[in-house]
């Protein structure tokens, strides 16, 4: 398959992923199975990024000897020519060479930017959590009312978790005064669900994309949608704790929504984040989950979507 054909196919994958993301924002089924929806969002993000980078690189290597290893083979050929000092083919028009150079530069620049913002997002989250843990070691204390959590002497309602190797759940004294024991247990179960599932790792790639493309409406809305789905998934897992019922968690959320709440610090996940009304309605009137066969279909579609750009890049 020629490099130009690969570039066209990768462009189609990138455009199709973007349109699928717009359609997914309007769909109602993600709230019926948040885990499957989050997986599909991750596949869309990965496919669109790889396809966009791959399309630029494929256009840049067009005309190179890629019969053995596809686009990657073309990149290897160009790298070898650069090393030998014969990067420019005198038999090709200068305009064509310039266009290919621009495409290669754009592809490598996009790859660099995406990797850089991802590393920066991880670094910022780790640094923020380190600072927050240092403050908690000085200000927080245990309380029998909130087993397994740290309590800070703050009058407003606050509840959040700091994920990581030394994960911690934090609530304020105002939260202990605001919630009944059963409601507090539901909030703590919600935060433990965040910690165990490492939802912070789910959110960081979308946060980094939002930083890389702050003016993209689709990326902004996708990031917000995934954040809401993460909260819904934590709600679902919290309700698996024996003795907890949906009404207790819903009441706790409503109390957080009507009280003066403190925003979670950077790097943390807070119980009151997300669209509160949507979460409360979902808890009180839960929608029927997607059937097992539909969920399997979504997982397969996500796997195919994520694998397509990779296969196109390595196909001879």
C-alpha atoms as a PDB file:
ATOM      1  CA  UNK A   1       0.000   0.000   0.000  1.00  0.00           C
ATOM      2  CA  UNK A   2       1.408   3.381  -0.994  1.00  0.00           C
ATOM      3  CA  UNK A   3       2.203   6.026   1.611  1.00  0.00           C
ATOM      4  CA  UNK A   4      -0.315   8.424   0.115  1.00  0.00           C
ATOM      5  CA  UNK A   5      -3.045   5.784   0.375  1.00  0.00           C
ATOM      6  CA  UNK A   6      -2.063   5.184   3.994  1.00  0.00           C
ATOM      7  CA  UNK A   7      -2.175   8.935   4.632  1.00  0.00           C
ATOM      8  CA  UNK A   8      -5.686   9.091   3.155  1.00  0.00           C
ATOM      9  CA  UNK A   9      -6.875   6.171   5.293  1.00  0.00           C
ATOM     10  CA  UNK A  10      -5.342   7.633   8.448  1.00  0.00           C
ATOM     11  CA  UNK A  11      -6.959  10.972   7.683  1.00  0.00           C
ATOM     12  CA  UNK A  12     -10.290   9.179   7.374  1.00  0.00           C
ATOM     13  CA  UNK A  13      -9.706   7.502  10.756  1.00  0.00           C
ATOM     14  CA  UNK A  14      -8.868  10.850  12.373  1.00  0.00           C
ATOM     15  CA  UNK A  15     -11.907  12.595  10.885  1.00  0.00           C
ATOM     16  CA  UNK A  16     -14.150   9.639  11.691  1.00  0.00           C
ATOM     17  CA  UNK A  17     -12.926   9.599  15.295  1.00  0.00           C
ATOM     18  CA  UNK A  18     -13.634  13.307  15.670  1.00  0.00           C
ATOM     19  CA  UNK A  19     -17.158  12.908  14.283  1.00  0.00           C
ATOM     20  CA  UNK A  20     -17.728   9.863  16.486  1.00  0.00           C
ATOM     21  CA  UNK A  21     -16.678  11.920  19.501  1.00  0.00           C
ATOM     22  CA  UNK A  22     -19.240  14.585  18.609  1.00  0.00           C
ATOM     23  CA  UNK A  23     -21.920  11.914  18.253  1.00  0.00           C
ATOM     24  CA  UNK A  24     -20.907  10.280  21.534  1.00  0.00           C
ATOM     25  CA  UNK A  25     -21.373  13.585  23.344  1.00  0.00           C
ATOM     26  CA  UNK A  26     -25.033  13.548  22.303  1.00  0.00           C
ATOM     27  CA  UNK A  27     -25.625   9.858  23.042  1.00  0.00           C
ATOM     28  CA  UNK A  28     -27.497   8.678  26.136  1.00  0.00           C
ATOM     29  CA  UNK A  29     -26.104   5.137  26.370  1.00  0.00           C
ATOM     30  CA  UNK A  30     -22.780   6.073  28.071  1.00  0.00           C
ATOM     31  CA  UNK A  31     -24.596   6.773  31.340  1.00  0.00           C
ATOM     32  CA  UNK A  32     -26.058   3.281  31.243  1.00  0.00           C
ATOM     33  CA  UNK A  33     -22.591   1.676  31.238  1.00  0.00           C
ATOM     34  CA  UNK A  34     -19.937   4.254  32.224  1.00  0.00           C
ATOM     35  CA  UNK A  35     -17.043   1.772  32.151  1.00  0.00           C
ATOM     36  CA  UNK A  36     -17.719   0.767  28.534  1.00  0.00           C
ATOM     37  CA  UNK A  37     -18.210   4.397  27.543  1.00  0.00           C
ATOM     38  CA  UNK A  38     -14.921   5.451  29.145  1.00  0.00           C
ATOM     39  CA  UNK A  39     -13.111   2.673  27.295  1.00  0.00           C
ATOM     40  CA  UNK A  40     -14.626   3.865  24.018  1.00  0.00           C
ATOM     41  CA  UNK A  41     -13.632   7.468  24.798  1.00  0.00           C
ATOM     42  CA  UNK A  42     -10.058   6.304  25.407  1.00  0.00           C
ATOM     43  CA  UNK A  43     -10.048   4.434  22.092  1.00  0.00           C
ATOM     44  CA  UNK A  44     -11.352   7.510  20.274  1.00  0.00           C
ATOM     45  CA  UNK A  45      -8.673   9.715  21.805  1.00  0.00           C
ATOM     46  CA  UNK A  46      -5.883   7.260  21.031  1.00  0.00           C
ATOM     47  CA  UNK A  47      -7.091   6.607  17.484  1.00  0.00           C
ATOM     48  CA  UNK A  48      -7.539  10.270  16.601  1.00  0.00           C
ATOM     49  CA  UNK A  49      -4.100  11.216  17.941  1.00  0.00           C
ATOM     50  CA  UNK A  50      -2.244   8.352  16.280  1.00  0.00           C
ATOM     51  CA  UNK A  51      -4.148   8.790  13.026  1.00  0.00           C
ATOM     52  CA  UNK A  52      -3.456  12.531  12.830  1.00  0.00           C
ATOM     53  CA  UNK A  53       0.246  12.031  13.515  1.00  0.00           C
ATOM     54  CA  UNK A  54       0.423   9.053  11.166  1.00  0.00           C
ATOM     55  CA  UNK A  55      -1.327  10.867   8.315  1.00  0.00           C
ATOM     56  CA  UNK A  56       1.201  13.709   8.434  1.00  0.00           C
ATOM     57  CA  UNK A  57       4.148  11.315   8.610  1.00  0.00           C
ATOM     58  CA  UNK A  58       2.759   9.142   5.812  1.00  0.00           C
ATOM     59  CA  UNK A  59       2.391  12.179   3.560  1.00  0.00           C
ATOM     60  CA  UNK A  60       5.934  13.153   4.459  1.00  0.00           C
ATOM     61  CA  UNK A  61       7.456   9.798   3.481  1.00  0.00           C
ATOM     62  CA  UNK A  62       5.468   9.426   0.257  1.00  0.00           C
ATOM     63  CA  UNK A  63       7.799   8.364  -2.521  1.00  0.00           C
ATOM     64  CA  UNK A  64      10.235   6.613  -0.186  1.00  0.00           C
ATOM     65  CA  UNK A  65      10.916   2.881  -0.230  1.00  0.00           C
ATOM     66  CA  UNK A  66       8.219   1.682   2.167  1.00  0.00           C
ATOM     67  CA  UNK A  67       7.444  -1.673   0.640  1.00  0.00           C
ATOM     68  CA  UNK A  68       8.907  -3.630   3.538  1.00  0.00           C
ATOM     69  CA  UNK A  69       7.836  -1.725   6.624  1.00  0.00           C
ATOM     70  CA  UNK A  70       5.272   0.842   5.568  1.00  0.00           C
ATOM     71  CA  UNK A  71       5.423   4.381   6.927  1.00  0.00           C
ATOM     72  CA  UNK A  72       7.886   3.377   9.631  1.00  0.00           C
ATOM     73  CA  UNK A  73      10.160   2.022   6.915  1.00  0.00           C
ATOM     74  CA  UNK A  74       9.967   5.378   5.131  1.00  0.00           C
ATOM     75  CA  UNK A  75      10.948   7.184   8.311  1.00  0.00           C
ATOM     76  CA  UNK A  76      13.887   4.826   8.726  1.00  0.00           C
ATOM     77  CA  UNK A  77      14.958   5.530   5.135  1.00  0.00           C
ATOM     78  CA  UNK A  78      14.826   9.280   5.674  1.00  0.00           C
ATOM     79  CA  UNK A  79      16.735   8.987   8.946  1.00  0.00           C
ATOM     80  CA  UNK A  80      19.424   7.011   7.155  1.00  0.00           C
ATOM     81  CA  UNK A  81      19.704   9.628   4.424  1.00  0.00           C
ATOM     82  CA  UNK A  82      19.997  12.394   7.002  1.00  0.00           C
ATOM     83  CA  UNK A  83      22.767  10.494   8.750  1.00  0.00           C
ATOM     84  CA  UNK A  84      24.629  10.041   5.475  1.00  0.00           C
ATOM     85  CA  UNK A  85      24.157  13.671   4.450  1.00  0.00           C
ATOM     86  CA  UNK A  86      21.974  12.896   1.400  1.00  0.00           C
ATOM     87  CA  UNK A  87      18.571  13.973   2.690  1.00  0.00           C
ATOM     88  CA  UNK A  88      17.604  15.787  -0.533  1.00  0.00           C
ATOM     89  CA  UNK A  89      17.001  13.728  -3.645  1.00  0.00           C
ATOM     90  CA  UNK A  90      18.260  15.849  -6.595  1.00  0.00           C
ATOM     91  CA  UNK A  91      15.881  14.020  -8.950  1.00  0.00           C
ATOM     92  CA  UNK A  92      12.730  15.282  -7.168  1.00  0.00           C
ATOM     93  CA  UNK A  93      11.175  18.767  -7.500  1.00  0.00           C
ATOM     94  CA  UNK A  94      12.135  21.145  -4.704  1.00  0.00           C
ATOM     95  CA  UNK A  95       8.480  22.066  -4.107  1.00  0.00           C
ATOM     96  CA  UNK A  96       7.597  18.407  -3.506  1.00  0.00           C
ATOM     97  CA  UNK A  97      10.558  18.026  -1.172  1.00  0.00           C
ATOM     98  CA  UNK A  98       9.481  21.145   0.734  1.00  0.00           C
ATOM     99  CA  UNK A  99       5.899  19.884   1.115  1.00  0.00           C
ATOM    100  CA  UNK A 100       7.114  16.534   2.427  1.00  0.00           C
ATOM    101  CA  UNK A 101       9.469  18.272   4.850  1.00  0.00           C
ATOM    102  CA  UNK A 102       6.599  20.391   6.172  1.00  0.00           C
ATOM    103  CA  UNK A 103       4.422  17.296   6.642  1.00  0.00           C
ATOM    104  CA  UNK A 104       7.182  15.422   8.464  1.00  0.00           C
ATOM    105  CA  UNK A 105       7.925  18.414  10.672  1.00  0.00           C
ATOM    106  CA  UNK A 106       4.234  18.872  11.507  1.00  0.00           C
ATOM    107  CA  UNK A 107       3.798  15.198  12.348  1.00  0.00           C
ATOM    108  CA  UNK A 108       6.859  15.094  14.591  1.00  0.00           C
ATOM    109  CA  UNK A 109       5.842  18.396  16.210  1.00  0.00           C
ATOM    110  CA  UNK A 110       2.341  17.076  16.971  1.00  0.00           C
ATOM    111  CA  UNK A 111       3.812  13.898  18.447  1.00  0.00           C
ATOM    112  CA  UNK A 112       6.196  15.948  20.583  1.00  0.00           C
ATOM    113  CA  UNK A 113       3.458  18.271  21.821  1.00  0.00           C
ATOM    114  CA  UNK A 114       1.115  15.422  22.786  1.00  0.00           C
ATOM    115  CA  UNK A 115       3.872  13.540  24.612  1.00  0.00           C
ATOM    116  CA  UNK A 116       5.060  16.713  26.322  1.00  0.00           C
ATOM    117  CA  UNK A 117       1.648  17.781  27.636  1.00  0.00           C
ATOM    118  CA  UNK A 118       1.007  14.228  28.866  1.00  0.00           C
ATOM    119  CA  UNK A 119       4.294  14.202  30.791  1.00  0.00           C
ATOM    120  CA  UNK A 120       3.575  17.679  32.140  1.00  0.00           C
ATOM    121  CA  UNK A 121       0.096  16.630  33.299  1.00  0.00           C
ATOM    122  CA  UNK A 122       1.510  13.622  35.158  1.00  0.00           C
ATOM    123  CA  UNK A 123       4.279  15.742  36.664  1.00  0.00           C
ATOM    124  CA  UNK A 124       1.858  18.469  37.774  1.00  0.00           C
ATOM    125  CA  UNK A 125      -0.486  15.942  39.389  1.00  0.00           C
ATOM    126  CA  UNK A 126       2.357  14.193  41.231  1.00  0.00           C
ATOM    127  CA  UNK A 127       3.782  17.500  42.446  1.00  0.00           C
ATOM    128  CA  UNK A 128       0.389  18.747  43.628  1.00  0.00           C
ATOM    129  CA  UNK A 129      -0.261  15.523  45.536  1.00  0.00           C
ATOM    130  CA  UNK A 130       3.170  15.664  47.155  1.00  0.00           C
ATOM    131  CA  UNK A 131       2.503  19.194  48.395  1.00  0.00           C
ATOM    132  CA  UNK A 132      -0.967  18.268  49.592  1.00  0.00           C
ATOM    133  CA  UNK A 133       0.363  15.257  51.536  1.00  0.00           C
ATOM    134  CA  UNK A 134       2.952  17.476  53.209  1.00  0.00           C
ATOM    135  CA  UNK A 135       0.171  19.837  54.331  1.00  0.00           C
ATOM    136  CA  UNK A 136      -2.008  16.970  55.511  1.00  0.00           C
ATOM    137  CA  UNK A 137       0.835  15.586  57.629  1.00  0.00           C
ATOM    138  CA  UNK A 138       0.755  18.878  59.540  1.00  0.00           C
ATOM    139  CA  UNK A 139      -2.944  19.718  59.555  1.00  0.00           C
ATOM    140  CA  UNK A 140      -4.982  16.513  59.278  1.00  0.00           C
ATOM    141  CA  UNK A 141      -5.908  13.994  61.951  1.00  0.00           C
ATOM    142  CA  UNK A 142      -7.932  10.846  62.305  1.00  0.00           C
ATOM    143  CA  UNK A 143     -11.492  10.702  63.577  1.00  0.00           C
ATOM    144  CA  UNK A 144     -13.579   7.646  64.522  1.00  0.00           C
ATOM    145  CA  UNK A 145     -16.516   9.160  62.645  1.00  0.00           C
ATOM    146  CA  UNK A 146     -14.578   8.767  59.371  1.00  0.00           C
ATOM    147  CA  UNK A 147     -12.664   5.475  59.562  1.00  0.00           C
ATOM    148  CA  UNK A 148      -9.791   5.238  57.110  1.00  0.00           C
ATOM    149  CA  UNK A 149      -9.904   8.943  56.267  1.00  0.00           C
ATOM    150  CA  UNK A 150      -8.058  12.059  57.388  1.00  0.00           C
ATOM    151  CA  UNK A 151      -9.999  14.997  58.768  1.00  0.00           C
ATOM    152  CA  UNK A 152      -9.059  18.654  58.312  1.00  0.00           C
ATOM    153  CA  UNK A 153     -10.464  21.343  60.622  1.00  0.00           C
ATOM    154  CA  UNK A 154     -12.308  23.289  57.960  1.00  0.00           C
ATOM    155  CA  UNK A 155     -15.904  24.479  58.488  1.00  0.00           C
ATOM    156  CA  UNK A 156     -17.137  24.063  54.908  1.00  0.00           C
ATOM    157  CA  UNK A 157     -18.016  20.734  53.289  1.00  0.00           C
ATOM    158  CA  UNK A 158     -15.161  19.012  51.482  1.00  0.00           C
ATOM    159  CA  UNK A 159     -14.409  15.404  50.600  1.00  0.00           C
ATOM    160  CA  UNK A 160     -11.730  14.218  48.196  1.00  0.00           C
ATOM    161  CA  UNK A 161      -9.092  11.586  47.636  1.00  0.00           C
ATOM    162  CA  UNK A 162      -5.419  11.779  46.756  1.00  0.00           C
ATOM    163  CA  UNK A 163      -4.706   8.766  44.508  1.00  0.00           C
ATOM    164  CA  UNK A 164      -1.297   7.197  44.215  1.00  0.00           C
ATOM    165  CA  UNK A 165       0.923   4.678  45.948  1.00  0.00           C
ATOM    166  CA  UNK A 166       0.102   6.291  49.311  1.00  0.00           C
ATOM    167  CA  UNK A 167      -3.520   7.099  48.590  1.00  0.00           C
ATOM    168  CA  UNK A 168      -5.456   9.118  51.124  1.00  0.00           C
ATOM    169  CA  UNK A 169      -9.083  10.111  51.612  1.00  0.00           C
ATOM    170  CA  UNK A 170      -9.725  13.504  53.163  1.00  0.00           C
ATOM    171  CA  UNK A 171     -12.896  15.009  54.610  1.00  0.00           C
ATOM    172  CA  UNK A 172     -13.454  18.286  56.403  1.00  0.00           C
ATOM    173  CA  UNK A 173     -14.921  18.827  59.842  1.00  0.00           C
ATOM    174  CA  UNK A 174     -17.753  20.601  58.062  1.00  0.00           C
ATOM    175  CA  UNK A 175     -18.541  17.365  56.205  1.00  0.00           C
ATOM    176  CA  UNK A 176     -18.778  15.436  59.475  1.00  0.00           C
ATOM    177  CA  UNK A 177     -21.258  18.023  60.773  1.00  0.00           C
ATOM    178  CA  UNK A 178     -23.220  18.106  57.508  1.00  0.00           C
ATOM    179  CA  UNK A 179     -23.763  14.402  56.795  1.00  0.00           C
ATOM    180  CA  UNK A 180     -25.532  11.673  58.679  1.00  0.00           C
ATOM    181  CA  UNK A 181     -23.431   8.544  59.428  1.00  0.00           C
ATOM    182  CA  UNK A 182     -24.955   6.555  56.547  1.00  0.00           C
ATOM    183  CA  UNK A 183     -24.405   9.437  54.121  1.00  0.00           C
ATOM    184  CA  UNK A 184     -20.807   9.814  55.262  1.00  0.00           C
ATOM    185  CA  UNK A 185     -20.250   6.084  54.742  1.00  0.00           C
ATOM    186  CA  UNK A 186     -21.569   6.448  51.179  1.00  0.00           C
ATOM    187  CA  UNK A 187     -19.197   9.365  50.493  1.00  0.00           C
ATOM    188  CA  UNK A 188     -16.202   7.430  51.850  1.00  0.00           C
ATOM    189  CA  UNK A 189     -17.163   4.410  49.715  1.00  0.00           C
ATOM    190  CA  UNK A 190     -17.327   6.676  46.663  1.00  0.00           C
ATOM    191  CA  UNK A 191     -13.831   8.026  47.334  1.00  0.00           C
ATOM    192  CA  UNK A 192     -12.450   4.522  47.954  1.00  0.00           C
ATOM    193  CA  UNK A 193     -13.850   3.521  44.563  1.00  0.00           C
ATOM    194  CA  UNK A 194     -11.844   6.341  42.964  1.00  0.00           C
ATOM    195  CA  UNK A 195      -8.686   5.193  44.723  1.00  0.00           C
ATOM    196  CA  UNK A 196      -9.025   1.489  43.919  1.00  0.00           C
ATOM    197  CA  UNK A 197      -9.855   2.031  40.249  1.00  0.00           C
ATOM    198  CA  UNK A 198      -7.149   4.709  39.797  1.00  0.00           C
ATOM    199  CA  UNK A 199      -9.579   7.022  38.060  1.00  0.00           C
ATOM    200  CA  UNK A 200      -6.912   9.722  38.099  1.00  0.00           C
ATOM    201  CA  UNK A 201      -5.040   7.782  35.415  1.00  0.00           C
ATOM    202  CA  UNK A 202      -8.199   7.786  33.292  1.00  0.00           C
ATOM    203  CA  UNK A 203      -8.581  11.552  33.516  1.00  0.00           C
ATOM    204  CA  UNK A 204      -4.974  12.692  32.993  1.00  0.00           C
ATOM    205  CA  UNK A 205      -4.801  11.974  29.207  1.00  0.00           C
ATOM    206  CA  UNK A 206      -7.984  13.966  28.645  1.00  0.00           C
ATOM    207  CA  UNK A 207      -6.690  16.760  30.855  1.00  0.00           C
ATOM    208  CA  UNK A 208      -3.484  16.879  28.822  1.00  0.00           C
ATOM    209  CA  UNK A 209      -5.423  17.006  25.543  1.00  0.00           C
ATOM    210  CA  UNK A 210      -7.454  19.878  26.919  1.00  0.00           C
ATOM    211  CA  UNK A 211      -4.238  21.731  27.744  1.00  0.00           C
ATOM    212  CA  UNK A 212      -2.812  21.045  24.305  1.00  0.00           C
ATOM    213  CA  UNK A 213      -5.961  22.238  22.504  1.00  0.00           C
ATOM    214  CA  UNK A 214      -7.727  24.635  24.904  1.00  0.00           C
ATOM    215  CA  UNK A 215      -9.918  26.111  22.154  1.00  0.00           C
ATOM    216  CA  UNK A 216     -11.301  22.787  20.952  1.00  0.00           C
ATOM    217  CA  UNK A 217     -14.943  22.566  21.958  1.00  0.00           C
ATOM    218  CA  UNK A 218     -15.106  18.813  21.323  1.00  0.00           C
ATOM    219  CA  UNK A 219     -12.043  18.082  23.465  1.00  0.00           C
ATOM    220  CA  UNK A 220     -13.330  20.297  26.287  1.00  0.00           C
ATOM    221  CA  UNK A 221     -16.733  18.629  26.253  1.00  0.00           C
ATOM    222  CA  UNK A 222     -15.162  15.173  25.956  1.00  0.00           C
ATOM    223  CA  UNK A 223     -13.005  15.858  29.014  1.00  0.00           C
ATOM    224  CA  UNK A 224     -16.061  16.988  30.975  1.00  0.00           C
ATOM    225  CA  UNK A 225     -18.056  13.973  29.792  1.00  0.00           C
ATOM    226  CA  UNK A 226     -15.343  11.524  30.868  1.00  0.00           C
ATOM    227  CA  UNK A 227     -15.057  13.266  34.254  1.00  0.00           C
ATOM    228  CA  UNK A 228     -18.792  12.808  34.768  1.00  0.00           C
ATOM    229  CA  UNK A 229     -18.646   9.157  33.695  1.00  0.00           C
ATOM    230  CA  UNK A 230     -15.801   8.576  36.154  1.00  0.00           C
ATOM    231  CA  UNK A 231     -17.963   9.987  38.939  1.00  0.00           C
ATOM    232  CA  UNK A 232     -20.879   7.786  37.885  1.00  0.00           C
ATOM    233  CA  UNK A 233     -18.645   4.723  37.820  1.00  0.00           C
ATOM    234  CA  UNK A 234     -17.451   5.533  41.355  1.00  0.00           C
ATOM    235  CA  UNK A 235     -21.088   5.932  42.393  1.00  0.00           C
ATOM    236  CA  UNK A 236     -21.878   2.462  41.009  1.00  0.00           C
ATOM    237  CA  UNK A 237     -18.939   0.849  42.783  1.00  0.00           C
ATOM    238  CA  UNK A 238     -19.773   2.591  46.050  1.00  0.00           C
ATOM    239  CA  UNK A 239     -23.242   1.069  45.986  1.00  0.00           C
ATOM    240  CA  UNK A 240     -21.720  -2.426  45.956  1.00  0.00           C
ATOM    241  CA  UNK A 241     -20.688  -1.926  49.588  1.00  0.00           C
ATOM    242  CA  UNK A 242     -22.980  -3.946  51.806  1.00  0.00           C
ATOM    243  CA  UNK A 243     -25.585  -1.860  53.589  1.00  0.00           C
ATOM    244  CA  UNK A 244     -25.343   1.200  51.349  1.00  0.00           C
ATOM    245  CA  UNK A 245     -28.302   2.303  49.256  1.00  0.00           C
ATOM    246  CA  UNK A 246     -28.518   4.781  46.428  1.00  0.00           C
ATOM    247  CA  UNK A 247     -30.665   7.212  48.386  1.00  0.00           C
ATOM    248  CA  UNK A 248     -27.930   7.722  50.996  1.00  0.00           C
ATOM    249  CA  UNK A 249     -25.357   8.698  48.367  1.00  0.00           C
ATOM    250  CA  UNK A 250     -27.884  10.836  46.499  1.00  0.00           C
ATOM    251  CA  UNK A 251     -28.801  12.688  49.696  1.00  0.00           C
ATOM    252  CA  UNK A 252     -25.119  13.252  50.469  1.00  0.00           C
ATOM    253  CA  UNK A 253     -24.583  14.708  46.998  1.00  0.00           C
ATOM    254  CA  UNK A 254     -27.564  17.014  47.413  1.00  0.00           C
ATOM    255  CA  UNK A 255     -26.239  18.188  50.761  1.00  0.00           C
ATOM    256  CA  UNK A 256     -22.882  18.933  49.144  1.00  0.00           C
ATOM    257  CA  UNK A 257     -24.626  20.781  46.345  1.00  0.00           C
ATOM    258  CA  UNK A 258     -26.671  23.011  48.655  1.00  0.00           C
ATOM    259  CA  UNK A 259     -23.886  23.628  51.183  1.00  0.00           C
ATOM    260  CA  UNK A 260     -20.916  25.911  50.695  1.00  0.00           C
ATOM    261  CA  UNK A 261     -18.289  23.490  49.454  1.00  0.00           C
ATOM    262  CA  UNK A 262     -14.533  23.728  49.140  1.00  0.00           C
ATOM    263  CA  UNK A 263     -13.013  22.807  45.779  1.00  0.00           C
ATOM    264  CA  UNK A 264     -10.620  19.870  45.784  1.00  0.00           C
ATOM    265  CA  UNK A 265      -6.919  20.716  45.546  1.00  0.00           C
ATOM    266  CA  UNK A 266      -5.006  20.076  42.346  1.00  0.00           C
ATOM    267  CA  UNK A 267      -4.348  16.388  41.722  1.00  0.00           C
ATOM    268  CA  UNK A 268      -7.343  15.238  43.770  1.00  0.00           C
ATOM    269  CA  UNK A 269     -10.762  13.815  42.915  1.00  0.00           C
ATOM    270  CA  UNK A 270     -13.697  15.324  44.795  1.00  0.00           C
ATOM    271  CA  UNK A 271     -17.032  13.772  45.645  1.00  0.00           C
ATOM    272  CA  UNK A 272     -19.075  16.734  44.425  1.00  0.00           C
ATOM    273  CA  UNK A 273     -17.414  17.039  41.014  1.00  0.00           C
ATOM    274  CA  UNK A 274     -19.414  16.428  37.867  1.00  0.00           C
ATOM    275  CA  UNK A 275     -22.997  17.287  36.976  1.00  0.00           C
ATOM    276  CA  UNK A 276     -24.662  16.831  40.345  1.00  0.00           C
ATOM    277  CA  UNK A 277     -28.231  16.762  39.022  1.00  0.00           C
ATOM    278  CA  UNK A 278     -27.425  14.066  36.472  1.00  0.00           C
ATOM    279  CA  UNK A 279     -25.729  11.914  39.108  1.00  0.00           C
ATOM    280  CA  UNK A 280     -28.560  12.287  41.630  1.00  0.00           C
ATOM    281  CA  UNK A 281     -31.211  11.469  39.016  1.00  0.00           C
ATOM    282  CA  UNK A 282     -29.229   8.434  37.923  1.00  0.00           C
ATOM    283  CA  UNK A 283     -28.935   7.202  41.512  1.00  0.00           C
ATOM    284  CA  UNK A 284     -32.624   7.650  42.302  1.00  0.00           C
ATOM    285  CA  UNK A 285     -33.912   6.380  38.922  1.00  0.00           C
ATOM    286  CA  UNK A 286     -31.132   4.125  37.620  1.00  0.00           C
ATOM    287  CA  UNK A 287     -31.268   3.449  33.862  1.00  0.00           C
ATOM    288  CA  UNK A 288     -31.115  -0.168  32.724  1.00  0.00           C
ATOM    289  CA  UNK A 289     -27.526  -1.200  32.036  1.00  0.00           C
ATOM    290  CA  UNK A 290     -26.522  -2.178  28.536  1.00  0.00           C
ATOM    291  CA  UNK A 291     -26.781  -5.869  27.763  1.00  0.00           C
ATOM    292  CA  UNK A 292     -23.653  -7.971  27.996  1.00  0.00           C
ATOM    293  CA  UNK A 293     -23.584  -8.503  24.225  1.00  0.00           C
ATOM    294  CA  UNK A 294     -23.740  -4.746  23.573  1.00  0.00           C
ATOM    295  CA  UNK A 295     -20.930  -4.115  26.043  1.00  0.00           C
ATOM    296  CA  UNK A 296     -18.793  -6.779  24.362  1.00  0.00           C
ATOM    297  CA  UNK A 297     -19.499  -5.116  21.017  1.00  0.00           C
ATOM    298  CA  UNK A 298     -18.366  -1.746  22.393  1.00  0.00           C
ATOM    299  CA  UNK A 299     -15.149  -3.296  23.731  1.00  0.00           C
ATOM    300  CA  UNK A 300     -14.425  -4.935  20.368  1.00  0.00           C
ATOM    301  CA  UNK A 301     -15.147  -1.710  18.512  1.00  0.00           C
ATOM    302  CA  UNK A 302     -12.797   0.177  20.844  1.00  0.00           C
ATOM    303  CA  UNK A 303     -10.035  -2.397  20.287  1.00  0.00           C
ATOM    304  CA  UNK A 304     -10.417  -2.219  16.493  1.00  0.00           C
ATOM    305  CA  UNK A 305     -10.487   1.570  16.559  1.00  0.00           C
ATOM    306  CA  UNK A 306      -7.317   1.816  18.629  1.00  0.00           C
ATOM    307  CA  UNK A 307      -5.492  -0.824  16.582  1.00  0.00           C
ATOM    308  CA  UNK A 308      -6.391   0.569  13.128  1.00  0.00           C
ATOM    309  CA  UNK A 309      -3.850   3.449  13.036  1.00  0.00           C
ATOM    310  CA  UNK A 310      -1.057   1.198  14.294  1.00  0.00           C
ATOM    311  CA  UNK A 311      -1.763  -1.439  11.658  1.00  0.00           C
ATOM    312  CA  UNK A 312      -1.859   1.175   8.917  1.00  0.00           C
ATOM    313  CA  UNK A 313       1.495   2.585  10.027  1.00  0.00           C
ATOM    314  CA  UNK A 314       3.269  -0.782   9.910  1.00  0.00           C
ATOM    315  CA  UNK A 315       1.492  -2.289   6.900  1.00  0.00           C
ATOM    316  CA  UNK A 316       3.940  -2.741   3.957  1.00  0.00           C
END
